[in-house]
Amino acid sequence: MQQPETAEAERDGLTLSFIPPLPSAPLAGGKPVIPPSVLRRLNRVQAQAELASCLAQQTQAALNQAVSAACEDVGVTIPLGAGLDIDWATGAITITPLEGAA
């Protein structure tokens, strides 16, 4: 990581080193504006975050299908829309019925 530049000032016979304040952000219409280079970098990070979110959703869907298939293999029927919780240490399955279902 690049170290910030320091400035020096002399006061009462002492030399003080300090980090000078950053320049003010440019304004457009009275609002601060992010510089184009930073905006491009943020845009790339946003695209990566969106891709990661999409992959997470696909992975969750694949896991749900695999869990349903595993439950069917051992004869456990999961009602449509019911919640399912697996204790990953023991393999115990807890099925939570739909809200309002008796």
PDB file of N, CA and C in Angstrom:
ATOM      1  N   MET A   1       0.840  -1.168   0.000  1.00  0.00           N
ATOM      2  CA  MET A   1       0.000   0.000   0.000  1.00  0.00           C
ATOM      3  C   MET A   1       0.885   1.230   0.000  1.00  0.00           C
ATOM      4  N   GLN A   2       0.526   2.206  -0.796  1.00  0.00           N
ATOM      5  CA  GLN A   2       1.330   3.409  -0.919  1.00  0.00           C
ATOM      6  C   GLN A   2       1.151   4.278   0.318  1.00  0.00           C
ATOM      7  N   GLN A   3       2.284   4.745   0.863  1.00  0.00           N
ATOM      8  CA  GLN A   3       2.242   5.614   2.029  1.00  0.00           C
ATOM      9  C   GLN A   3       1.879   7.031   1.607  1.00  0.00           C
ATOM     10  N   PRO A   4       1.048   7.719   2.398  1.00  0.00           N
ATOM     11  CA  PRO A   4       0.685   9.085   2.041  1.00  0.00           C
ATOM     12  C   PRO A   4       1.893  10.005   2.176  1.00  0.00           C
ATOM     13  N   GLU A   5       1.923  11.025   1.362  1.00  0.00           N
ATOM     14  CA  GLU A   5       3.001  12.003   1.449  1.00  0.00           C
ATOM     15  C   GLU A   5       2.807  12.834   2.706  1.00  0.00           C
ATOM     16  N   THR A   6       3.917  13.195   3.307  1.00  0.00           N
ATOM     17  CA  THR A   6       3.829  14.026   4.505  1.00  0.00           C
ATOM     18  C   THR A   6       4.340  15.420   4.187  1.00  0.00           C
ATOM     19  N   ALA A   7       3.897  16.343   4.970  1.00  0.00           N
ATOM     20  CA  ALA A   7       4.359  17.723   4.842  1.00  0.00           C
ATOM     21  C   ALA A   7       4.980  18.110   6.183  1.00  0.00           C
ATOM     22  N   GLU A   8       5.811  19.118   6.140  1.00  0.00           N
ATOM     23  CA  GLU A   8       6.439  19.572   7.373  1.00  0.00           C
ATOM     24  C   GLU A   8       6.153  21.048   7.566  1.00  0.00           C
ATOM     25  N   ALA A   9       6.021  21.439   8.818  1.00  0.00           N
ATOM     26  CA  ALA A   9       5.831  22.840   9.173  1.00  0.00           C
ATOM     27  C   ALA A   9       6.639  23.104  10.436  1.00  0.00           C
ATOM     28  N   GLU A  10       7.109  24.310  10.552  1.00  0.00           N
ATOM     29  CA  GLU A  10       7.887  24.664  11.731  1.00  0.00           C
ATOM     30  C   GLU A  10       7.058  25.594  12.590  1.00  0.00           C
ATOM     31  N   ARG A  11       7.017  25.283  13.896  1.00  0.00           N
ATOM     32  CA  ARG A  11       6.247  26.110  14.829  1.00  0.00           C
ATOM     33  C   ARG A  11       6.974  26.118  16.164  1.00  0.00           C
ATOM     34  N   ASP A  12       7.185  27.277  16.667  1.00  0.00           N
ATOM     35  CA  ASP A  12       7.862  27.458  17.957  1.00  0.00           C
ATOM     36  C   ASP A  12       9.187  26.714  18.011  1.00  0.00           C
ATOM     37  N   GLY A  13       9.916  26.728  16.910  1.00  0.00           N
ATOM     38  CA  GLY A  13      11.224  26.102  16.863  1.00  0.00           C
ATOM     39  C   GLY A  13      11.172  24.596  16.672  1.00  0.00           C
ATOM     40  N   LEU A  14       9.984  24.010  16.564  1.00  0.00           N
ATOM     41  CA  LEU A  14       9.851  22.574  16.349  1.00  0.00           C
ATOM     42  C   LEU A  14       9.399  22.313  14.920  1.00  0.00           C
ATOM     43  N   THR A  15       9.921  21.233  14.344  1.00  0.00           N
ATOM     44  CA  THR A  15       9.479  20.835  13.014  1.00  0.00           C
ATOM     45  C   THR A  15       8.424  19.756  13.175  1.00  0.00           C
ATOM     46  N   LEU A  16       7.246  20.009  12.628  1.00  0.00           N
ATOM     47  CA  LEU A  16       6.130  19.083  12.728  1.00  0.00           C
ATOM     48  C   LEU A  16       5.909  18.417  11.387  1.00  0.00           C
ATOM     49  N   SER A  17       5.719  17.095  11.382  1.00  0.00           N
ATOM     50  CA  SER A  17       5.369  16.365  10.167  1.00  0.00           C
ATOM     51  C   SER A  17       3.902  15.999  10.258  1.00  0.00           C
ATOM     52  N   PHE A  18       3.205  16.139   9.144  1.00  0.00           N
ATOM     53  CA  PHE A  18       1.790  15.806   9.128  1.00  0.00           C
ATOM     54  C   PHE A  18       1.382  15.404   7.714  1.00  0.00           C
ATOM     55  N   ILE A  19       0.239  14.747   7.647  1.00  0.00           N
ATOM     56  CA  ILE A  19      -0.327  14.380   6.355  1.00  0.00           C
ATOM     57  C   ILE A  19      -1.251  15.531   5.953  1.00  0.00           C
ATOM     58  N   PRO A  20      -0.991  16.148   4.823  1.00  0.00           N
ATOM     59  CA  PRO A  20      -1.836  17.271   4.421  1.00  0.00           C
ATOM     60  C   PRO A  20      -3.247  16.786   4.083  1.00  0.00           C
ATOM     61  N   PRO A  21      -4.249  17.647   4.233  1.00  0.00           N
ATOM     62  CA  PRO A  21      -5.614  17.240   3.913  1.00  0.00           C
ATOM     63  C   PRO A  21      -5.750  16.899   2.436  1.00  0.00           C
ATOM     64  N   LEU A  22      -6.668  15.972   2.149  1.00  0.00           N
ATOM     65  CA  LEU A  22      -6.930  15.614   0.763  1.00  0.00           C
ATOM     66  C   LEU A  22      -7.634  16.768   0.070  1.00  0.00           C
ATOM     67  N   PRO A  23      -7.413  16.899  -1.228  1.00  0.00           N
ATOM     68  CA  PRO A  23      -8.117  17.962  -1.934  1.00  0.00           C
ATOM     69  C   PRO A  23      -9.620  17.694  -1.920  1.00  0.00           C
ATOM     70  N   SER A  24     -10.386  18.750  -1.989  1.00  0.00           N
ATOM     71  CA  SER A  24     -11.839  18.614  -1.998  1.00  0.00           C
ATOM     72  C   SER A  24     -12.288  17.907  -3.267  1.00  0.00           C
ATOM     73  N   ALA A  25     -13.362  17.151  -3.155  1.00  0.00           N
ATOM     74  CA  ALA A  25     -13.916  16.453  -4.316  1.00  0.00           C
ATOM     75  C   ALA A  25     -14.471  17.486  -5.288  1.00  0.00           C
ATOM     76  N   PRO A  26     -14.335  17.216  -6.589  1.00  0.00           N
ATOM     77  CA  PRO A  26     -14.920  18.140  -7.559  1.00  0.00           C
ATOM     78  C   PRO A  26     -16.439  18.154  -7.406  1.00  0.00           C
ATOM     79  N   LEU A  27     -17.034  19.254  -7.762  1.00  0.00           N
ATOM     80  CA  LEU A  27     -18.477  19.405  -7.634  1.00  0.00           C
ATOM     81  C   LEU A  27     -19.121  19.494  -9.010  1.00  0.00           C
ATOM     82  N   ALA A  28     -20.325  18.936  -9.111  1.00  0.00           N
ATOM     83  CA  ALA A  28     -21.152  19.072 -10.310  1.00  0.00           C
ATOM     84  C   ALA A  28     -22.561  19.341  -9.826  1.00  0.00           C
ATOM     85  N   GLY A  29     -23.076  20.475 -10.154  1.00  0.00           N
ATOM     86  CA  GLY A  29     -24.414  20.817  -9.683  1.00  0.00           C
ATOM     87  C   GLY A  29     -24.473  20.928  -8.174  1.00  0.00           C
ATOM     88  N   GLY A  30     -23.373  21.308  -7.549  1.00  0.00           N
ATOM     89  CA  GLY A  30     -23.335  21.456  -6.105  1.00  0.00           C
ATOM     90  C   GLY A  30     -23.159  20.149  -5.344  1.00  0.00           C
ATOM     91  N   LYS A  31     -23.020  19.028  -6.056  1.00  0.00           N
ATOM     92  CA  LYS A  31     -22.841  17.731  -5.411  1.00  0.00           C
ATOM     93  C   LYS A  31     -21.447  17.209  -5.691  1.00  0.00           C
ATOM     94  N   PRO A  32     -20.842  16.492  -4.709  1.00  0.00           N
ATOM     95  CA  PRO A  32     -19.510  15.914  -4.953  1.00  0.00           C
ATOM     96  C   PRO A  32     -19.575  14.860  -6.066  1.00  0.00           C
ATOM     97  N   VAL A  33     -18.505  14.779  -6.843  1.00  0.00           N
ATOM     98  CA  VAL A  33     -18.437  13.867  -7.980  1.00  0.00           C
ATOM     99  C   VAL A  33     -17.255  12.929  -7.795  1.00  0.00           C
ATOM    100  N   ILE A  34     -17.479  11.647  -8.045  1.00  0.00           N
ATOM    101  CA  ILE A  34     -16.398  10.666  -7.989  1.00  0.00           C
ATOM    102  C   ILE A  34     -15.615  10.760  -9.295  1.00  0.00           C
ATOM    103  N   PRO A  35     -14.298  10.825  -9.223  1.00  0.00           N
ATOM    104  CA  PRO A  35     -13.487  10.909 -10.444  1.00  0.00           C
ATOM    105  C   PRO A  35     -13.712   9.697 -11.351  1.00  0.00           C
ATOM    106  N   PRO A  36     -13.588   9.861 -12.677  1.00  0.00           N
ATOM    107  CA  PRO A  36     -13.848   8.773 -13.626  1.00  0.00           C
ATOM    108  C   PRO A  36     -13.035   7.507 -13.360  1.00  0.00           C
ATOM    109  N   SER A  37     -11.767   7.629 -12.977  1.00  0.00           N
ATOM    110  CA  SER A  37     -10.951   6.426 -12.739  1.00  0.00           C
ATOM    111  C   SER A  37     -11.489   5.632 -11.561  1.00  0.00           C
ATOM    112  N   VAL A  38     -11.910   6.322 -10.518  1.00  0.00           N
ATOM    113  CA  VAL A  38     -12.478   5.656  -9.346  1.00  0.00           C
ATOM    114  C   VAL A  38     -13.834   5.063  -9.705  1.00  0.00           C
ATOM    115  N   LEU A  39     -14.615   5.788 -10.492  1.00  0.00           N
ATOM    116  CA  LEU A  39     -15.924   5.312 -10.914  1.00  0.00           C
ATOM    117  C   LEU A  39     -15.804   4.021 -11.724  1.00  0.00           C
ATOM    118  N   ARG A  40     -14.808   3.943 -12.607  1.00  0.00           N
ATOM    119  CA  ARG A  40     -14.593   2.715 -13.383  1.00  0.00           C
ATOM    120  C   ARG A  40     -14.242   1.552 -12.469  1.00  0.00           C
ATOM    121  N   ARG A  41     -13.393   1.803 -11.476  1.00  0.00           N
ATOM    122  CA  ARG A  41     -12.992   0.757 -10.532  1.00  0.00           C
ATOM    123  C   ARG A  41     -14.204   0.295  -9.710  1.00  0.00           C
ATOM    124  N   LEU A  42     -15.019   1.238  -9.250  1.00  0.00           N
ATOM    125  CA  LEU A  42     -16.219   0.889  -8.498  1.00  0.00           C
ATOM    126  C   LEU A  42     -17.209   0.112  -9.370  1.00  0.00           C
ATOM    127  N   ASN A  43     -17.292   0.470 -10.629  1.00  0.00           N
ATOM    128  CA  ASN A  43     -18.184  -0.223 -11.559  1.00  0.00           C
ATOM    129  C   ASN A  43     -17.756  -1.680 -11.710  1.00  0.00           C
ATOM    130  N   ARG A  44     -16.452  -1.928 -11.796  1.00  0.00           N
ATOM    131  CA  ARG A  44     -15.954  -3.307 -11.897  1.00  0.00           C
ATOM    132  C   ARG A  44     -16.265  -4.092 -10.627  1.00  0.00           C
ATOM    133  N   VAL A  45     -16.102  -3.464  -9.474  1.00  0.00           N
ATOM    134  CA  VAL A  45     -16.392  -4.135  -8.206  1.00  0.00           C
ATOM    135  C   VAL A  45     -17.887  -4.451  -8.119  1.00  0.00           C
ATOM    136  N   GLN A  46     -18.727  -3.515  -8.556  1.00  0.00           N
ATOM    137  CA  GLN A  46     -20.167  -3.755  -8.546  1.00  0.00           C
ATOM    138  C   GLN A  46     -20.526  -4.937  -9.451  1.00  0.00           C
ATOM    139  N   ALA A  47     -19.917  -5.005 -10.628  1.00  0.00           N
ATOM    140  CA  ALA A  47     -20.180  -6.111 -11.549  1.00  0.00           C
ATOM    141  C   ALA A  47     -19.753  -7.442 -10.914  1.00  0.00           C
ATOM    142  N   GLN A  48     -18.620  -7.451 -10.219  1.00  0.00           N
ATOM    143  CA  GLN A  48     -18.165  -8.667  -9.545  1.00  0.00           C
ATOM    144  C   GLN A  48     -19.130  -9.062  -8.434  1.00  0.00           C
ATOM    145  N   ALA A  49     -19.642  -8.078  -7.700  1.00  0.00           N
ATOM    146  CA  ALA A  49     -20.597  -8.367  -6.623  1.00  0.00           C
ATOM    147  C   ALA A  49     -21.891  -8.937  -7.192  1.00  0.00           C
ATOM    148  N   GLU A  50     -22.354  -8.396  -8.314  1.00  0.00           N
ATOM    149  CA  GLU A  50     -23.571  -8.902  -8.940  1.00  0.00           C
ATOM    150  C   GLU A  50     -23.370 -10.337  -9.429  1.00  0.00           C
ATOM    151  N   LEU A  51     -22.203 -10.617  -9.997  1.00  0.00           N
ATOM    152  CA  LEU A  51     -21.893 -11.975 -10.454  1.00  0.00           C
ATOM    153  C   LEU A  51     -21.843 -12.936  -9.265  1.00  0.00           C
ATOM    154  N   ALA A  52     -21.210 -12.518  -8.185  1.00  0.00           N
ATOM    155  CA  ALA A  52     -21.126 -13.367  -6.991  1.00  0.00           C
ATOM    156  C   ALA A  52     -22.517 -13.643  -6.433  1.00  0.00           C
ATOM    157  N   SER A  53     -23.386 -12.651  -6.450  1.00  0.00           N
ATOM    158  CA  SER A  53     -24.748 -12.828  -5.968  1.00  0.00           C
ATOM    159  C   SER A  53     -25.506 -13.823  -6.841  1.00  0.00           C
ATOM    160  N   CYS A  54     -25.341 -13.714  -8.151  1.00  0.00           N
ATOM    161  CA  CYS A  54     -25.991 -14.629  -9.092  1.00  0.00           C
ATOM    162  C   CYS A  54     -25.491 -16.056  -8.875  1.00  0.00           C
ATOM    163  N   LEU A  55     -24.185 -16.212  -8.715  1.00  0.00           N
ATOM    164  CA  LEU A  55     -23.621 -17.539  -8.473  1.00  0.00           C
ATOM    165  C   LEU A  55     -24.104 -18.117  -7.148  1.00  0.00           C
ATOM    166  N   ALA A  56     -24.239 -17.267  -6.135  1.00  0.00           N
ATOM    167  CA  ALA A  56     -24.727 -17.733  -4.836  1.00  0.00           C
ATOM    168  C   ALA A  56     -26.164 -18.234  -4.960  1.00  0.00           C
ATOM    169  N   GLN A  57     -26.991 -17.514  -5.735  1.00  0.00           N
ATOM    170  CA  GLN A  57     -28.380 -17.949  -5.932  1.00  0.00           C
ATOM    171  C   GLN A  57     -28.428 -19.284  -6.668  1.00  0.00           C
ATOM    172  N   GLN A  58     -27.587 -19.443  -7.685  1.00  0.00           N
ATOM    173  CA  GLN A  58     -27.557 -20.704  -8.435  1.00  0.00           C
ATOM    174  C   GLN A  58     -27.072 -21.849  -7.549  1.00  0.00           C
ATOM    175  N   THR A  59     -26.077 -21.578  -6.715  1.00  0.00           N
ATOM    176  CA  THR A  59     -25.551 -22.592  -5.808  1.00  0.00           C
ATOM    177  C   THR A  59     -26.611 -22.991  -4.785  1.00  0.00           C
ATOM    178  N   GLN A  60     -27.353 -22.010  -4.266  1.00  0.00           N
ATOM    179  CA  GLN A  60     -28.417 -22.298  -3.309  1.00  0.00           C
ATOM    180  C   GLN A  60     -29.503 -23.153  -3.951  1.00  0.00           C
ATOM    181  N   ALA A  61     -29.858 -22.846  -5.197  1.00  0.00           N
ATOM    182  CA  ALA A  61     -30.873 -23.639  -5.914  1.00  0.00           C
ATOM    183  C   ALA A  61     -30.382 -25.078  -6.108  1.00  0.00           C
ATOM    184  N   ALA A  62     -29.118 -25.246  -6.468  1.00  0.00           N
ATOM    185  CA  ALA A  62     -28.551 -26.589  -6.650  1.00  0.00           C
ATOM    186  C   ALA A  62     -28.542 -27.346  -5.326  1.00  0.00           C
ATOM    187  N   LEU A  63     -28.207 -26.669  -4.233  1.00  0.00           N
ATOM    188  CA  LEU A  63     -28.212 -27.300  -2.910  1.00  0.00           C
ATOM    189  C   LEU A  63     -29.631 -27.727  -2.542  1.00  0.00           C
ATOM    190  N   ASN A  64     -30.613 -26.853  -2.786  1.00  0.00           N
ATOM    191  CA  ASN A  64     -32.008 -27.192  -2.471  1.00  0.00           C
ATOM    192  C   ASN A  64     -32.450 -28.435  -3.235  1.00  0.00           C
ATOM    193  N   GLN A  65     -32.082 -28.523  -4.509  1.00  0.00           N
ATOM    194  CA  GLN A  65     -32.442 -29.695  -5.317  1.00  0.00           C
ATOM    195  C   GLN A  65     -31.761 -30.955  -4.774  1.00  0.00           C
ATOM    196  N   ALA A  66     -30.502 -30.834  -4.403  1.00  0.00           N
ATOM    197  CA  ALA A  66     -29.762 -31.985  -3.880  1.00  0.00           C
ATOM    198  C   ALA A  66     -30.344 -32.445  -2.549  1.00  0.00           C
ATOM    199  N   VAL A  67     -30.733 -31.503  -1.691  1.00  0.00           N
ATOM    200  CA  VAL A  67     -31.323 -31.861  -0.400  1.00  0.00           C
ATOM    201  C   VAL A  67     -32.661 -32.554  -0.628  1.00  0.00           C
ATOM    202  N   SER A  68     -33.479 -32.016  -1.534  1.00  0.00           N
ATOM    203  CA  SER A  68     -34.775 -32.643  -1.837  1.00  0.00           C
ATOM    204  C   SER A  68     -34.578 -34.059  -2.347  1.00  0.00           C
ATOM    205  N   ALA A  69     -33.617 -34.252  -3.235  1.00  0.00           N
ATOM    206  CA  ALA A  69     -33.352 -35.586  -3.782  1.00  0.00           C
ATOM    207  C   ALA A  69     -32.868 -36.531  -2.684  1.00  0.00           C
ATOM    208  N   ALA A  70     -32.006 -36.048  -1.792  1.00  0.00           N
ATOM    209  CA  ALA A  70     -31.506 -36.887  -0.701  1.00  0.00           C
ATOM    210  C   ALA A  70     -32.646 -37.283   0.234  1.00  0.00           C
ATOM    211  N   CYS A  71     -33.552 -36.346   0.504  1.00  0.00           N
ATOM    212  CA  CYS A  71     -34.696 -36.661   1.362  1.00  0.00           C
ATOM    213  C   CYS A  71     -35.597 -37.700   0.699  1.00  0.00           C
ATOM    214  N   GLU A  72     -35.843 -37.534  -0.598  1.00  0.00           N
ATOM    215  CA  GLU A  72     -36.662 -38.517  -1.327  1.00  0.00           C
ATOM    216  C   GLU A  72     -36.011 -39.892  -1.284  1.00  0.00           C
ATOM    217  N   ASP A  73     -34.689 -39.937  -1.403  1.00  0.00           N
ATOM    218  CA  ASP A  73     -33.964 -41.216  -1.394  1.00  0.00           C
ATOM    219  C   ASP A  73     -34.159 -41.988  -0.089  1.00  0.00           C
ATOM    220  N   VAL A  74     -34.333 -41.245   1.028  1.00  0.00           N
ATOM    221  CA  VAL A  74     -34.515 -41.929   2.315  1.00  0.00           C
ATOM    222  C   VAL A  74     -35.987 -41.981   2.719  1.00  0.00           C
ATOM    223  N   GLY A  75     -36.881 -41.595   1.795  1.00  0.00           N
ATOM    224  CA  GLY A  75     -38.314 -41.712   2.049  1.00  0.00           C
ATOM    225  C   GLY A  75     -38.948 -40.566   2.804  1.00  0.00           C
ATOM    226  N   VAL A  76     -38.285 -39.411   2.867  1.00  0.00           N
ATOM    227  CA  VAL A  76     -38.848 -38.250   3.554  1.00  0.00           C
ATOM    228  C   VAL A  76     -39.505 -37.344   2.505  1.00  0.00           C
ATOM    229  N   THR A  77     -40.797 -37.063   2.719  1.00  0.00           N
ATOM    230  CA  THR A  77     -41.517 -36.182   1.808  1.00  0.00           C
ATOM    231  C   THR A  77     -41.549 -34.782   2.413  1.00  0.00           C
ATOM    232  N   ILE A  78     -41.154 -33.804   1.630  1.00  0.00           N
ATOM    233  CA  ILE A  78     -41.158 -32.420   2.084  1.00  0.00           C
ATOM    234  C   ILE A  78     -42.343 -31.728   1.421  1.00  0.00           C
ATOM    235  N   PRO A  79     -43.308 -31.251   2.216  1.00  0.00           N
ATOM    236  CA  PRO A  79     -44.441 -30.547   1.626  1.00  0.00           C
ATOM    237  C   PRO A  79     -43.976 -29.304   0.860  1.00  0.00           C
ATOM    238  N   LEU A  80     -44.658 -29.013  -0.242  1.00  0.00           N
ATOM    239  CA  LEU A  80     -44.303 -27.862  -1.070  1.00  0.00           C
ATOM    240  C   LEU A  80     -44.330 -26.591  -0.237  1.00  0.00           C
ATOM    241  N   GLY A  81     -43.260 -25.844  -0.265  1.00  0.00           N
ATOM    242  CA  GLY A  81     -43.175 -24.574   0.451  1.00  0.00           C
ATOM    243  C   GLY A  81     -42.764 -24.691   1.901  1.00  0.00           C
ATOM    244  N   ALA A  82     -42.641 -25.902   2.417  1.00  0.00           N
ATOM    245  CA  ALA A  82     -42.244 -26.078   3.820  1.00  0.00           C
ATOM    246  C   ALA A  82     -40.767 -25.761   3.981  1.00  0.00           C
ATOM    247  N   GLY A  83     -40.416 -25.336   5.180  1.00  0.00           N
ATOM    248  CA  GLY A  83     -39.012 -25.074   5.483  1.00  0.00           C
ATOM    249  C   GLY A  83     -38.307 -26.351   5.894  1.00  0.00           C
ATOM    250  N   LEU A  84     -37.040 -26.420   5.624  1.00  0.00           N
ATOM    251  CA  LEU A  84     -36.270 -27.622   5.947  1.00  0.00           C
ATOM    252  C   LEU A  84     -34.955 -27.183   6.570  1.00  0.00           C
ATOM    253  N   ASP A  85     -34.618 -27.822   7.668  1.00  0.00           N
ATOM    254  CA  ASP A  85     -33.350 -27.523   8.326  1.00  0.00           C
ATOM    255  C   ASP A  85     -32.624 -28.842   8.545  1.00  0.00           C
ATOM    256  N   ILE A  86     -31.354 -28.861   8.204  1.00  0.00           N
ATOM    257  CA  ILE A  86     -30.538 -30.060   8.394  1.00  0.00           C
ATOM    258  C   ILE A  86     -29.476 -29.768   9.442  1.00  0.00           C
ATOM    259  N   ASP A  87     -29.345 -30.651  10.410  1.00  0.00           N
ATOM    260  CA  ASP A  87     -28.241 -30.587  11.357  1.00  0.00           C
ATOM    261  C   ASP A  87     -27.067 -31.261  10.656  1.00  0.00           C
ATOM    262  N   TRP A  88     -26.106 -30.474  10.211  1.00  0.00           N
ATOM    263  CA  TRP A  88     -25.014 -30.998   9.393  1.00  0.00           C
ATOM    264  C   TRP A  88     -24.097 -31.928  10.169  1.00  0.00           C
ATOM    265  N   ALA A  89     -24.148 -31.885  11.492  1.00  0.00           N
ATOM    266  CA  ALA A  89     -23.313 -32.785  12.292  1.00  0.00           C
ATOM    267  C   ALA A  89     -23.938 -34.169  12.408  1.00  0.00           C
ATOM    268  N   THR A  90     -25.294 -34.216  12.534  1.00  0.00           N
ATOM    269  CA  THR A  90     -25.953 -35.503  12.772  1.00  0.00           C
ATOM    270  C   THR A  90     -26.766 -36.002  11.579  1.00  0.00           C
ATOM    271  N   GLY A  91     -27.131 -35.089  10.676  1.00  0.00           N
ATOM    272  CA  GLY A  91     -27.980 -35.469   9.549  1.00  0.00           C
ATOM    273  C   GLY A  91     -29.462 -35.406   9.870  1.00  0.00           C
ATOM    274  N   ALA A  92     -29.818 -34.988  11.084  1.00  0.00           N
ATOM    275  CA  ALA A  92     -31.224 -34.891  11.483  1.00  0.00           C
ATOM    276  C   ALA A  92     -31.919 -33.805  10.654  1.00  0.00           C
ATOM    277  N   ILE A  93     -33.148 -34.118  10.225  1.00  0.00           N
ATOM    278  CA  ILE A  93     -33.921 -33.205   9.380  1.00  0.00           C
ATOM    279  C   ILE A  93     -35.093 -32.665  10.193  1.00  0.00           C
ATOM    280  N   THR A  94     -35.289 -31.344  10.154  1.00  0.00           N
ATOM    281  CA  THR A  94     -36.439 -30.715  10.782  1.00  0.00           C
ATOM    282  C   THR A  94     -37.243 -30.036   9.687  1.00  0.00           C
ATOM    283  N   ILE A  95     -38.520 -30.407   9.564  1.00  0.00           N
ATOM    284  CA  ILE A  95     -39.395 -29.818   8.549  1.00  0.00           C
ATOM    285  C   ILE A  95     -40.336 -28.846   9.257  1.00  0.00           C
ATOM    286  N   THR A  96     -40.365 -27.612   8.789  1.00  0.00           N
ATOM    287  CA  THR A  96     -41.244 -26.602   9.349  1.00  0.00           C
ATOM    288  C   THR A  96     -42.422 -26.424   8.400  1.00  0.00           C
ATOM    289  N   PRO A  97     -43.662 -26.689   8.871  1.00  0.00           N
ATOM    290  CA  PRO A  97     -44.817 -26.562   7.994  1.00  0.00           C
ATOM    291  C   PRO A  97     -45.046 -25.123   7.545  1.00  0.00           C
ATOM    292  N   LEU A  98     -45.841 -24.990   6.498  1.00  0.00           N
ATOM    293  CA  LEU A  98     -46.208 -23.671   6.001  1.00  0.00           C
ATOM    294  C   LEU A  98     -46.917 -22.884   7.078  1.00  0.00           C
ATOM    295  N   GLU A  99     -46.794 -21.544   7.004  1.00  0.00           N
ATOM    296  CA  GLU A  99     -47.533 -20.679   7.920  1.00  0.00           C
ATOM    297  C   GLU A  99     -49.023 -20.906   7.694  1.00  0.00           C
ATOM    298  N   GLY A 100     -49.787 -21.049   8.757  1.00  0.00           N
ATOM    299  CA  GLY A 100     -51.236 -21.208   8.653  1.00  0.00           C
ATOM    300  C   GLY A 100     -51.677 -22.624   8.373  1.00  0.00           C
ATOM    301  N   ALA A 101     -50.738 -23.522   8.084  1.00  0.00           N
ATOM    302  CA  ALA A 101     -51.111 -24.921   7.830  1.00  0.00           C
ATOM    303  C   ALA A 101     -51.274 -25.626   9.168  1.00  0.00           C
ATOM    304  N   ALA A 102     -52.308 -26.416   9.284  1.00  0.00           N
ATOM    305  CA  ALA A 102     -52.543 -27.102  10.560  1.00  0.00           C
ATOM    306  C   ALA A 102     -52.131 -28.552  10.480  1.00  0.00           C
TER     307      ALA A 102
END
